[in-house]
Amino acid sequence: MPVNPTTVTSLQSGEVTTVVPIVTTMAKAYTRGRGFTGNEPNDEIAAVIATASARLAANGTGLQSKKVDDVEYQYSLASSFGWTLAEQIVLNRYRVRAQ
């Protein structure tokens, strides 16, 4: 499936209707489908999706702004998206790992 440019634009603007399905897909991929019934996550993974989606929707561009006196500048955060430690702990309970 090709990437739709409007999807990218809506992610940058933090539209929740775009962010939630993408974060859900990422969580499902991370856990390799464990913790999901069809496309529906269990309560624990749903909580991870909610927190990660809220964070991504709040700052879809991944930029931080800073103003010093009359000069304002923007810089990129370390990464534009990643799981927090708490989210990763929950997801790792469902992740299938190589042994």
C-alpha atoms as a PDB file:
ATOM      1  CA  MET A   1       0.000   0.000   0.000  1.00  0.00           C
ATOM      2  CA  PRO A   2       1.515   3.374  -0.965  1.00  0.00           C
ATOM      3  CA  VAL A   3       1.846   6.087   1.645  1.00  0.00           C
ATOM      4  CA  ASN A   4      -0.786   8.772   1.306  1.00  0.00           C
ATOM      5  CA  PRO A   5       0.692  12.296   1.637  1.00  0.00           C
ATOM      6  CA  THR A   6      -2.403  13.450   3.530  1.00  0.00           C
ATOM      7  CA  THR A   7      -1.636  10.824   6.173  1.00  0.00           C
ATOM      8  CA  VAL A   8       1.782  12.377   6.713  1.00  0.00           C
ATOM      9  CA  THR A   9       0.298  15.856   6.902  1.00  0.00           C
ATOM     10  CA  SER A  10      -2.346  14.795   9.403  1.00  0.00           C
ATOM     11  CA  LEU A  11       0.318  13.080  11.531  1.00  0.00           C
ATOM     12  CA  GLN A  12       2.348  16.274  11.635  1.00  0.00           C
ATOM     13  CA  SER A  13      -0.688  18.236  12.727  1.00  0.00           C
ATOM     14  CA  GLY A  14      -1.467  15.659  15.424  1.00  0.00           C
ATOM     15  CA  GLU A  15      -4.852  14.455  14.199  1.00  0.00           C
ATOM     16  CA  VAL A  16      -5.847  11.699  16.612  1.00  0.00           C
ATOM     17  CA  THR A  17      -7.911   9.883  13.984  1.00  0.00           C
ATOM     18  CA  THR A  18      -4.679   9.320  12.052  1.00  0.00           C
ATOM     19  CA  VAL A  19      -2.329   8.829  15.000  1.00  0.00           C
ATOM     20  CA  VAL A  20      -4.240   6.078  16.844  1.00  0.00           C
ATOM     21  CA  PRO A  21      -4.453   3.569  13.955  1.00  0.00           C
ATOM     22  CA  ILE A  22      -0.765   4.042  13.153  1.00  0.00           C
ATOM     23  CA  VAL A  23       0.342   3.569  16.776  1.00  0.00           C
ATOM     24  CA  THR A  24      -1.965   0.530  16.994  1.00  0.00           C
ATOM     25  CA  THR A  25      -0.281  -0.981  13.940  1.00  0.00           C
ATOM     26  CA  MET A  26       3.142  -0.295  15.454  1.00  0.00           C
ATOM     27  CA  ALA A  27       2.128  -1.925  18.750  1.00  0.00           C
ATOM     28  CA  LYS A  28       0.738  -4.947  16.921  1.00  0.00           C
ATOM     29  CA  ALA A  29       3.960  -5.271  14.938  1.00  0.00           C
ATOM     30  CA  TYR A  30       6.083  -4.892  18.087  1.00  0.00           C
ATOM     31  CA  THR A  31       4.199  -7.689  19.855  1.00  0.00           C
ATOM     32  CA  ARG A  32       3.861  -9.727  16.645  1.00  0.00           C
ATOM     33  CA  GLY A  33       0.100  -9.778  17.178  1.00  0.00           C
ATOM     34  CA  ARG A  34       0.140 -11.178  20.708  1.00  0.00           C
ATOM     35  CA  GLY A  35      -2.316  -9.401  23.000  1.00  0.00           C
ATOM     36  CA  PHE A  36      -4.648  -8.658  20.093  1.00  0.00           C
ATOM     37  CA  THR A  37      -7.890 -10.343  19.105  1.00  0.00           C
ATOM     38  CA  GLY A  38      -8.083  -9.565  15.417  1.00  0.00           C
ATOM     39  CA  ASN A  39      -7.251  -5.856  15.350  1.00  0.00           C
ATOM     40  CA  GLU A  40      -8.507  -5.192  18.897  1.00  0.00           C
ATOM     41  CA  PRO A  41      -5.843  -4.844  21.607  1.00  0.00           C
ATOM     42  CA  ASN A  42      -6.353  -6.086  25.154  1.00  0.00           C
ATOM     43  CA  ASP A  43      -6.696  -3.481  27.938  1.00  0.00           C
ATOM     44  CA  GLU A  44      -2.968  -3.296  28.719  1.00  0.00           C
ATOM     45  CA  ILE A  45      -1.906  -2.732  25.118  1.00  0.00           C
ATOM     46  CA  ALA A  46      -4.814  -0.315  24.621  1.00  0.00           C
ATOM     47  CA  ALA A  47      -3.410   1.769  27.492  1.00  0.00           C
ATOM     48  CA  VAL A  48      -0.005   1.838  25.774  1.00  0.00           C
ATOM     49  CA  ILE A  49      -1.646   2.879  22.509  1.00  0.00           C
ATOM     50  CA  ALA A  50      -3.542   5.677  24.286  1.00  0.00           C
ATOM     51  CA  THR A  51      -0.462   7.117  26.008  1.00  0.00           C
ATOM     52  CA  ALA A  52       1.791   6.837  22.952  1.00  0.00           C
ATOM     53  CA  SER A  53      -0.902   8.314  20.692  1.00  0.00           C
ATOM     54  CA  ALA A  54      -1.432  11.257  23.025  1.00  0.00           C
ATOM     55  CA  ARG A  55       2.302  11.954  23.079  1.00  0.00           C
ATOM     56  CA  LEU A  56       2.621  11.712  19.295  1.00  0.00           C
ATOM     57  CA  ALA A  57      -0.514  13.822  18.706  1.00  0.00           C
ATOM     58  CA  ALA A  58       0.827  16.515  21.039  1.00  0.00           C
ATOM     59  CA  ASN A  59       4.032  16.838  19.006  1.00  0.00           C
ATOM     60  CA  GLY A  60       3.619  15.260  15.593  1.00  0.00           C
ATOM     61  CA  THR A  61       6.591  17.070  14.073  1.00  0.00           C
ATOM     62  CA  GLY A  62       9.061  15.935  16.744  1.00  0.00           C
ATOM     63  CA  LEU A  63      10.417  19.464  17.059  1.00  0.00           C
ATOM     64  CA  GLN A  64      11.102  21.447  20.189  1.00  0.00           C
ATOM     65  CA  SER A  65      10.936  25.252  20.184  1.00  0.00           C
ATOM     66  CA  LYS A  66      13.065  27.500  22.334  1.00  0.00           C
ATOM     67  CA  LYS A  67      13.172  31.267  22.621  1.00  0.00           C
ATOM     68  CA  VAL A  68      16.124  33.219  23.940  1.00  0.00           C
ATOM     69  CA  ASP A  69      15.547  36.968  24.067  1.00  0.00           C
ATOM     70  CA  ASP A  70      14.163  37.839  20.619  1.00  0.00           C
ATOM     71  CA  VAL A  71      15.506  34.770  18.851  1.00  0.00           C
ATOM     72  CA  GLU A  72      13.305  31.706  18.523  1.00  0.00           C
ATOM     73  CA  TYR A  73      14.589  28.467  17.077  1.00  0.00           C
ATOM     74  CA  GLN A  74      13.438  24.884  16.647  1.00  0.00           C
ATOM     75  CA  TYR A  75      15.449  21.732  16.963  1.00  0.00           C
ATOM     76  CA  SER A  76      14.734  18.065  16.525  1.00  0.00           C
ATOM     77  CA  LEU A  77      14.217  15.897  19.564  1.00  0.00           C
ATOM     78  CA  ALA A  78      16.399  12.790  19.930  1.00  0.00           C
ATOM     79  CA  SER A  79      13.848  10.711  18.053  1.00  0.00           C
ATOM     80  CA  SER A  80      10.495  11.586  16.640  1.00  0.00           C
ATOM     81  CA  PHE A  81       8.771   8.556  18.144  1.00  0.00           C
ATOM     82  CA  GLY A  82       9.653   5.735  20.454  1.00  0.00           C
ATOM     83  CA  TRP A  83       8.060   3.781  23.252  1.00  0.00           C
ATOM     84  CA  THR A  84       8.607   5.140  26.757  1.00  0.00           C
ATOM     85  CA  LEU A  85      10.118   2.758  29.294  1.00  0.00           C
ATOM     86  CA  ALA A  86       6.721   2.122  30.919  1.00  0.00           C
ATOM     87  CA  GLU A  87       5.100   1.428  27.543  1.00  0.00           C
ATOM     88  CA  GLN A  88       7.924  -0.870  26.540  1.00  0.00           C
ATOM     89  CA  ILE A  89       7.638  -2.851  29.786  1.00  0.00           C
ATOM     90  CA  VAL A  90       3.974  -3.549  29.014  1.00  0.00           C
ATOM     91  CA  LEU A  91       4.612  -4.385  25.352  1.00  0.00           C
ATOM     92  CA  ASN A  92       7.546  -6.644  26.208  1.00  0.00           C
ATOM     93  CA  ARG A  93       5.149  -8.874  28.204  1.00  0.00           C
ATOM     94  CA  TYR A  94       3.557  -9.788  24.874  1.00  0.00           C
ATOM     95  CA  ARG A  95       6.537  -9.632  22.561  1.00  0.00           C
ATOM     96  CA  VAL A  96       7.847 -12.890  21.152  1.00  0.00           C
ATOM     97  CA  ARG A  97      11.625 -12.918  21.394  1.00  0.00           C
ATOM     98  CA  ALA A  98      14.205 -15.130  19.744  1.00  0.00           C
ATOM     99  CA  GLN A  99      15.972 -17.501  22.085  1.00  0.00           C
END
